[in-house]
Amino acid sequence: MKKKLRLGLIGGGPNSWIGNAHRIASRLDDEYEIVAGVVSRDIKINKSFGAHIGIDRSRCYKNFKELCS
């Protein structure tokens, strides 16, 4: 079994049309897994929406610097 590439999202929150399109596209060939993200500047929205799309709440970061460190 081939190991999936793990993705971290920056942007693409609940009202983002293009964010939704990118999430769908990343799953089409089943070679990627979204495992972390910063989808909103608001940490509450970030954690809530992140959990909604399958990201563990502990992997929803408050900013891109925290995500990338």
PDB file of N, CA and C in Angstrom:
ATOM      1  N   MET A   1       0.833  -1.192   0.000  1.00  0.00           N
ATOM      2  CA  MET A   1       0.000   0.000   0.000  1.00  0.00           C
ATOM      3  C   MET A   1       0.872   1.247   0.000  1.00  0.00           C
ATOM      4  N   LYS A   2       0.606   2.148  -0.903  1.00  0.00           N
ATOM      5  CA  LYS A   2       1.365   3.391  -1.024  1.00  0.00           C
ATOM      6  C   LYS A   2       0.960   4.377   0.080  1.00  0.00           C
ATOM      7  N   LYS A   3       1.942   4.994   0.708  1.00  0.00           N
ATOM      8  CA  LYS A   3       1.691   5.956   1.768  1.00  0.00           C
ATOM      9  C   LYS A   3       1.171   7.265   1.170  1.00  0.00           C
ATOM     10  N   LYS A   4       0.145   7.856   1.798  1.00  0.00           N
ATOM     11  CA  LYS A   4      -0.443   9.107   1.322  1.00  0.00           C
ATOM     12  C   LYS A   4       0.405  10.304   1.747  1.00  0.00           C
ATOM     13  N   LEU A   5       0.421  11.324   0.912  1.00  0.00           N
ATOM     14  CA  LEU A   5       1.054  12.593   1.237  1.00  0.00           C
ATOM     15  C   LEU A   5       0.147  13.325   2.219  1.00  0.00           C
ATOM     16  N   ARG A   6       0.717  13.816   3.299  1.00  0.00           N
ATOM     17  CA  ARG A   6      -0.064  14.517   4.322  1.00  0.00           C
ATOM     18  C   ARG A   6      -0.051  16.011   4.045  1.00  0.00           C
ATOM     19  N   LEU A   7      -1.253  16.608   3.990  1.00  0.00           N
ATOM     20  CA  LEU A   7      -1.397  18.019   3.653  1.00  0.00           C
ATOM     21  C   LEU A   7      -1.796  18.849   4.861  1.00  0.00           C
ATOM     22  N   GLY A   8      -1.304  20.084   4.896  1.00  0.00           N
ATOM     23  CA  GLY A   8      -1.746  21.093   5.847  1.00  0.00           C
ATOM     24  C   GLY A   8      -2.358  22.245   5.061  1.00  0.00           C
ATOM     25  N   LEU A   9      -3.580  22.633   5.418  1.00  0.00           N
ATOM     26  CA  LEU A   9      -4.277  23.709   4.719  1.00  0.00           C
ATOM     27  C   LEU A   9      -3.975  25.061   5.338  1.00  0.00           C
ATOM     28  N   ILE A  10      -3.860  26.058   4.506  1.00  0.00           N
ATOM     29  CA  ILE A  10      -3.808  27.444   4.955  1.00  0.00           C
ATOM     30  C   ILE A  10      -4.885  28.160   4.156  1.00  0.00           C
ATOM     31  N   GLY A  11      -5.923  28.615   4.867  1.00  0.00           N
ATOM     32  CA  GLY A  11      -7.071  29.245   4.220  1.00  0.00           C
ATOM     33  C   GLY A  11      -8.110  28.211   3.827  1.00  0.00           C
ATOM     34  N   GLY A  12      -9.166  28.685   3.170  1.00  0.00           N
ATOM     35  CA  GLY A  12     -10.203  27.776   2.693  1.00  0.00           C
ATOM     36  C   GLY A  12     -11.244  27.446   3.732  1.00  0.00           C
ATOM     37  N   GLY A  13     -11.591  28.427   4.560  1.00  0.00           N
ATOM     38  CA  GLY A  13     -12.560  28.226   5.625  1.00  0.00           C
ATOM     39  C   GLY A  13     -13.982  27.977   5.150  1.00  0.00           C
ATOM     40  N   PRO A  14     -14.944  28.076   6.077  1.00  0.00           N
ATOM     41  CA  PRO A  14     -16.321  27.668   5.806  1.00  0.00           C
ATOM     42  C   PRO A  14     -17.012  28.377   4.645  1.00  0.00           C
ATOM     43  N   ASN A  15     -16.679  29.603   4.349  1.00  0.00           N
ATOM     44  CA  ASN A  15     -17.342  30.334   3.264  1.00  0.00           C
ATOM     45  C   ASN A  15     -16.494  30.428   2.007  1.00  0.00           C
ATOM     46  N   SER A  16     -15.474  29.621   1.922  1.00  0.00           N
ATOM     47  CA  SER A  16     -14.554  29.677   0.791  1.00  0.00           C
ATOM     48  C   SER A  16     -14.932  28.663  -0.283  1.00  0.00           C
ATOM     49  N   TRP A  17     -15.381  29.148  -1.424  1.00  0.00           N
ATOM     50  CA  TRP A  17     -15.716  28.265  -2.533  1.00  0.00           C
ATOM     51  C   TRP A  17     -14.459  27.572  -3.051  1.00  0.00           C
ATOM     52  N   ILE A  18     -13.392  28.316  -3.241  1.00  0.00           N
ATOM     53  CA  ILE A  18     -12.173  27.740  -3.809  1.00  0.00           C
ATOM     54  C   ILE A  18     -11.517  26.765  -2.827  1.00  0.00           C
ATOM     55  N   GLY A  19     -11.643  27.037  -1.516  1.00  0.00           N
ATOM     56  CA  GLY A  19     -11.118  26.105  -0.527  1.00  0.00           C
ATOM     57  C   GLY A  19     -11.804  24.755  -0.633  1.00  0.00           C
ATOM     58  N   ASN A  20     -13.117  24.781  -0.814  1.00  0.00           N
ATOM     59  CA  ASN A  20     -13.870  23.536  -0.978  1.00  0.00           C
ATOM     60  C   ASN A  20     -13.427  22.807  -2.244  1.00  0.00           C
ATOM     61  N   ALA A  21     -13.261  23.551  -3.323  1.00  0.00           N
ATOM     62  CA  ALA A  21     -12.816  22.941  -4.580  1.00  0.00           C
ATOM     63  C   ALA A  21     -11.445  22.289  -4.416  1.00  0.00           C
ATOM     64  N   HIS A  22     -10.531  22.937  -3.708  1.00  0.00           N
ATOM     65  CA  HIS A  22      -9.200  22.379  -3.502  1.00  0.00           C
ATOM     66  C   HIS A  22      -9.242  21.138  -2.612  1.00  0.00           C
ATOM     67  N   ARG A  23     -10.094  21.149  -1.581  1.00  0.00           N
ATOM     68  CA  ARG A  23     -10.210  19.958  -0.719  1.00  0.00           C
ATOM     69  C   ARG A  23     -10.730  18.775  -1.517  1.00  0.00           C
ATOM     70  N   ILE A  24     -11.746  19.014  -2.337  1.00  0.00           N
ATOM     71  CA  ILE A  24     -12.296  17.942  -3.165  1.00  0.00           C
ATOM     72  C   ILE A  24     -11.233  17.429  -4.132  1.00  0.00           C
ATOM     73  N   ALA A  25     -10.541  18.341  -4.800  1.00  0.00           N
ATOM     74  CA  ALA A  25      -9.522  17.948  -5.776  1.00  0.00           C
ATOM     75  C   ALA A  25      -8.390  17.157  -5.122  1.00  0.00           C
ATOM     76  N   SER A  26      -8.008  17.525  -3.912  1.00  0.00           N
ATOM     77  CA  SER A  26      -6.911  16.811  -3.246  1.00  0.00           C
ATOM     78  C   SER A  26      -7.291  15.381  -2.887  1.00  0.00           C
ATOM     79  N   ARG A  27      -8.587  15.096  -2.827  1.00  0.00           N
ATOM     80  CA  ARG A  27      -9.042  13.751  -2.459  1.00  0.00           C
ATOM     81  C   ARG A  27      -9.367  12.877  -3.675  1.00  0.00           C
ATOM     82  N   LEU A  28      -9.401  13.442  -4.863  1.00  0.00           N
ATOM     83  CA  LEU A  28      -9.834  12.699  -6.042  1.00  0.00           C
ATOM     84  C   LEU A  28      -9.004  11.454  -6.338  1.00  0.00           C
ATOM     85  N   ASP A  29      -7.704  11.559  -6.265  1.00  0.00           N
ATOM     86  CA  ASP A  29      -6.871  10.397  -6.605  1.00  0.00           C
ATOM     87  C   ASP A  29      -6.473   9.579  -5.381  1.00  0.00           C
ATOM     88  N   ASP A  30      -6.969   9.959  -4.210  1.00  0.00           N
ATOM     89  CA  ASP A  30      -6.751   9.220  -2.963  1.00  0.00           C
ATOM     90  C   ASP A  30      -5.269   9.047  -2.620  1.00  0.00           C
ATOM     91  N   GLU A  31      -4.455  10.036  -2.983  1.00  0.00           N
ATOM     92  CA  GLU A  31      -3.037   9.990  -2.640  1.00  0.00           C
ATOM     93  C   GLU A  31      -2.655  11.025  -1.584  1.00  0.00           C
ATOM     94  N   TYR A  32      -3.640  11.817  -1.140  1.00  0.00           N
ATOM     95  CA  TYR A  32      -3.395  12.880  -0.173  1.00  0.00           C
ATOM     96  C   TYR A  32      -4.342  12.737   1.002  1.00  0.00           C
ATOM     97  N   GLU A  33      -3.881  13.203   2.166  1.00  0.00           N
ATOM     98  CA  GLU A  33      -4.707  13.210   3.365  1.00  0.00           C
ATOM     99  C   GLU A  33      -4.523  14.563   4.041  1.00  0.00           C
ATOM    100  N   ILE A  34      -5.617  15.274   4.311  1.00  0.00           N
ATOM    101  CA  ILE A  34      -5.549  16.567   4.991  1.00  0.00           C
ATOM    102  C   ILE A  34      -5.476  16.295   6.485  1.00  0.00           C
ATOM    103  N   VAL A  35      -4.368  16.695   7.109  1.00  0.00           N
ATOM    104  CA  VAL A  35      -4.132  16.341   8.511  1.00  0.00           C
ATOM    105  C   VAL A  35      -3.968  17.542   9.444  1.00  0.00           C
ATOM    106  N   ALA A  36      -3.877  18.750   8.895  1.00  0.00           N
ATOM    107  CA  ALA A  36      -3.677  19.931   9.732  1.00  0.00           C
ATOM    108  C   ALA A  36      -4.157  21.159   8.973  1.00  0.00           C
ATOM    109  N   GLY A  37      -4.335  22.261   9.702  1.00  0.00           N
ATOM    110  CA  GLY A  37      -4.737  23.445   8.982  1.00  0.00           C
ATOM    111  C   GLY A  37      -4.930  24.691   9.816  1.00  0.00           C
ATOM    112  N   VAL A  38      -4.966  25.798   9.090  1.00  0.00           N
ATOM    113  CA  VAL A  38      -5.346  27.114   9.580  1.00  0.00           C
ATOM    114  C   VAL A  38      -6.352  27.614   8.542  1.00  0.00           C
ATOM    115  N   VAL A  39      -7.626  27.355   8.765  1.00  0.00           N
ATOM    116  CA  VAL A  39      -8.632  27.690   7.760  1.00  0.00           C
ATOM    117  C   VAL A  39      -9.330  29.007   8.048  1.00  0.00           C
ATOM    118  N   SER A  40      -9.068  29.605   9.230  1.00  0.00           N
ATOM    119  CA  SER A  40      -9.682  30.874   9.616  1.00  0.00           C
ATOM    120  C   SER A  40      -8.770  31.611  10.576  1.00  0.00           C
ATOM    121  N   ARG A  41      -8.904  32.927  10.623  1.00  0.00           N
ATOM    122  CA  ARG A  41      -8.151  33.724  11.610  1.00  0.00           C
ATOM    123  C   ARG A  41      -8.741  33.566  13.000  1.00  0.00           C
ATOM    124  N   ASP A  42     -10.001  33.186  13.067  1.00  0.00           N
ATOM    125  CA  ASP A  42     -10.699  32.981  14.337  1.00  0.00           C
ATOM    126  C   ASP A  42     -10.471  31.529  14.781  1.00  0.00           C
ATOM    127  N   ILE A  43      -9.786  31.341  15.902  1.00  0.00           N
ATOM    128  CA  ILE A  43      -9.416  29.999  16.346  1.00  0.00           C
ATOM    129  C   ILE A  43     -10.627  29.117  16.612  1.00  0.00           C
ATOM    130  N   LYS A  44     -11.739  29.692  17.093  1.00  0.00           N
ATOM    131  CA  LYS A  44     -12.943  28.896  17.335  1.00  0.00           C
ATOM    132  C   LYS A  44     -13.501  28.352  16.023  1.00  0.00           C
ATOM    133  N   ILE A  45     -13.578  29.218  15.005  1.00  0.00           N
ATOM    134  CA  ILE A  45     -14.039  28.781  13.684  1.00  0.00           C
ATOM    135  C   ILE A  45     -13.054  27.775  13.113  1.00  0.00           C
ATOM    136  N   ASN A  46     -11.782  28.058  13.277  1.00  0.00           N
ATOM    137  CA  ASN A  46     -10.733  27.175  12.765  1.00  0.00           C
ATOM    138  C   ASN A  46     -10.893  25.756  13.318  1.00  0.00           C
ATOM    139  N   LYS A  47     -11.038  25.635  14.636  1.00  0.00           N
ATOM    140  CA  LYS A  47     -11.165  24.308  15.255  1.00  0.00           C
ATOM    141  C   LYS A  47     -12.486  23.637  14.885  1.00  0.00           C
ATOM    142  N   SER A  48     -13.565  24.402  14.874  1.00  0.00           N
ATOM    143  CA  SER A  48     -14.874  23.841  14.551  1.00  0.00           C
ATOM    144  C   SER A  48     -14.940  23.361  13.103  1.00  0.00           C
ATOM    145  N   PHE A  49     -14.528  24.220  12.170  1.00  0.00           N
ATOM    146  CA  PHE A  49     -14.584  23.844  10.764  1.00  0.00           C
ATOM    147  C   PHE A  49     -13.545  22.776  10.444  1.00  0.00           C
ATOM    148  N   GLY A  50     -12.382  22.886  11.054  1.00  0.00           N
ATOM    149  CA  GLY A  50     -11.360  21.853  10.863  1.00  0.00           C
ATOM    150  C   GLY A  50     -11.888  20.480  11.250  1.00  0.00           C
ATOM    151  N   ALA A  51     -12.541  20.393  12.407  1.00  0.00           N
ATOM    152  CA  ALA A  51     -13.123  19.123  12.843  1.00  0.00           C
ATOM    153  C   ALA A  51     -14.204  18.668  11.863  1.00  0.00           C
ATOM    154  N   HIS A  52     -14.981  19.610  11.358  1.00  0.00           N
ATOM    155  CA  HIS A  52     -16.044  19.292  10.395  1.00  0.00           C
ATOM    156  C   HIS A  52     -15.484  18.632   9.129  1.00  0.00           C
ATOM    157  N   ILE A  53     -14.309  19.045   8.697  1.00  0.00           N
ATOM    158  CA  ILE A  53     -13.718  18.476   7.474  1.00  0.00           C
ATOM    159  C   ILE A  53     -12.732  17.344   7.773  1.00  0.00           C
ATOM    160  N   GLY A  54     -12.679  16.920   9.041  1.00  0.00           N
ATOM    161  CA  GLY A  54     -11.897  15.742   9.376  1.00  0.00           C
ATOM    162  C   GLY A  54     -10.519  15.976   9.955  1.00  0.00           C
ATOM    163  N   ILE A  55     -10.196  17.211  10.306  1.00  0.00           N
ATOM    164  CA  ILE A  55      -8.898  17.508  10.930  1.00  0.00           C
ATOM    165  C   ILE A  55      -9.067  17.403  12.442  1.00  0.00           C
ATOM    166  N   ASP A  56      -8.171  16.693  13.095  1.00  0.00           N
ATOM    167  CA  ASP A  56      -8.196  16.608  14.557  1.00  0.00           C
ATOM    168  C   ASP A  56      -8.054  18.018  15.129  1.00  0.00           C
ATOM    169  N   ARG A  57      -8.853  18.342  16.148  1.00  0.00           N
ATOM    170  CA  ARG A  57      -8.826  19.693  16.742  1.00  0.00           C
ATOM    171  C   ARG A  57      -7.423  20.095  17.194  1.00  0.00           C
ATOM    172  N   SER A  58      -6.634  19.134  17.647  1.00  0.00           N
ATOM    173  CA  SER A  58      -5.275  19.440  18.104  1.00  0.00           C
ATOM    174  C   SER A  58      -4.349  19.825  16.951  1.00  0.00           C
ATOM    175  N   ARG A  59      -4.770  19.586  15.706  1.00  0.00           N
ATOM    176  CA  ARG A  59      -3.965  19.918  14.529  1.00  0.00           C
ATOM    177  C   ARG A  59      -4.508  21.146  13.798  1.00  0.00           C
ATOM    178  N   CYS A  60      -5.423  21.892  14.454  1.00  0.00           N
ATOM    179  CA  CYS A  60      -5.952  23.147  13.915  1.00  0.00           C
ATOM    180  C   CYS A  60      -5.215  24.287  14.626  1.00  0.00           C
ATOM    181  N   TYR A  61      -4.378  24.973  13.904  1.00  0.00           N
ATOM    182  CA  TYR A  61      -3.472  25.944  14.507  1.00  0.00           C
ATOM    183  C   TYR A  61      -4.004  27.368  14.394  1.00  0.00           C
ATOM    184  N   LYS A  62      -3.475  28.275  15.246  1.00  0.00           N
ATOM    185  CA  LYS A  62      -3.987  29.640  15.249  1.00  0.00           C
ATOM    186  C   LYS A  62      -3.393  30.510  14.147  1.00  0.00           C
ATOM    187  N   ASN A  63      -2.259  30.117  13.572  1.00  0.00           N
ATOM    188  CA  ASN A  63      -1.685  30.881  12.466  1.00  0.00           C
ATOM    189  C   ASN A  63      -0.729  29.978  11.673  1.00  0.00           C
ATOM    190  N   PHE A  64      -0.339  30.455  10.511  1.00  0.00           N
ATOM    191  CA  PHE A  64       0.511  29.633   9.637  1.00  0.00           C
ATOM    192  C   PHE A  64       1.890  29.375  10.220  1.00  0.00           C
ATOM    193  N   LYS A  65       2.400  30.309  11.024  1.00  0.00           N
ATOM    194  CA  LYS A  65       3.715  30.099  11.630  1.00  0.00           C
ATOM    195  C   LYS A  65       3.691  28.913  12.587  1.00  0.00           C
ATOM    196  N   GLU A  66       2.613  28.826  13.365  1.00  0.00           N
ATOM    197  CA  GLU A  66       2.468  27.715  14.298  1.00  0.00           C
ATOM    198  C   GLU A  66       2.304  26.392  13.528  1.00  0.00           C
ATOM    199  N   LEU A  67       1.539  26.425  12.466  1.00  0.00           N
ATOM    200  CA  LEU A  67       1.346  25.235  11.635  1.00  0.00           C
ATOM    201  C   LEU A  67       2.667  24.732  11.066  1.00  0.00           C
ATOM    202  N   CYS A  68       3.498  25.640  10.607  1.00  0.00           N
ATOM    203  CA  CYS A  68       4.731  25.281   9.919  1.00  0.00           C
ATOM    204  C   CYS A  68       5.929  25.041  10.824  1.00  0.00           C
ATOM    205  N   SER A  69       5.776  25.271  12.112  1.00  0.00           N
ATOM    206  CA  SER A  69       6.941  25.093  13.013  1.00  0.00           C
ATOM    207  C   SER A  69       7.036  23.684  13.546  1.00  0.00           C
TER     208      SER A  69
END
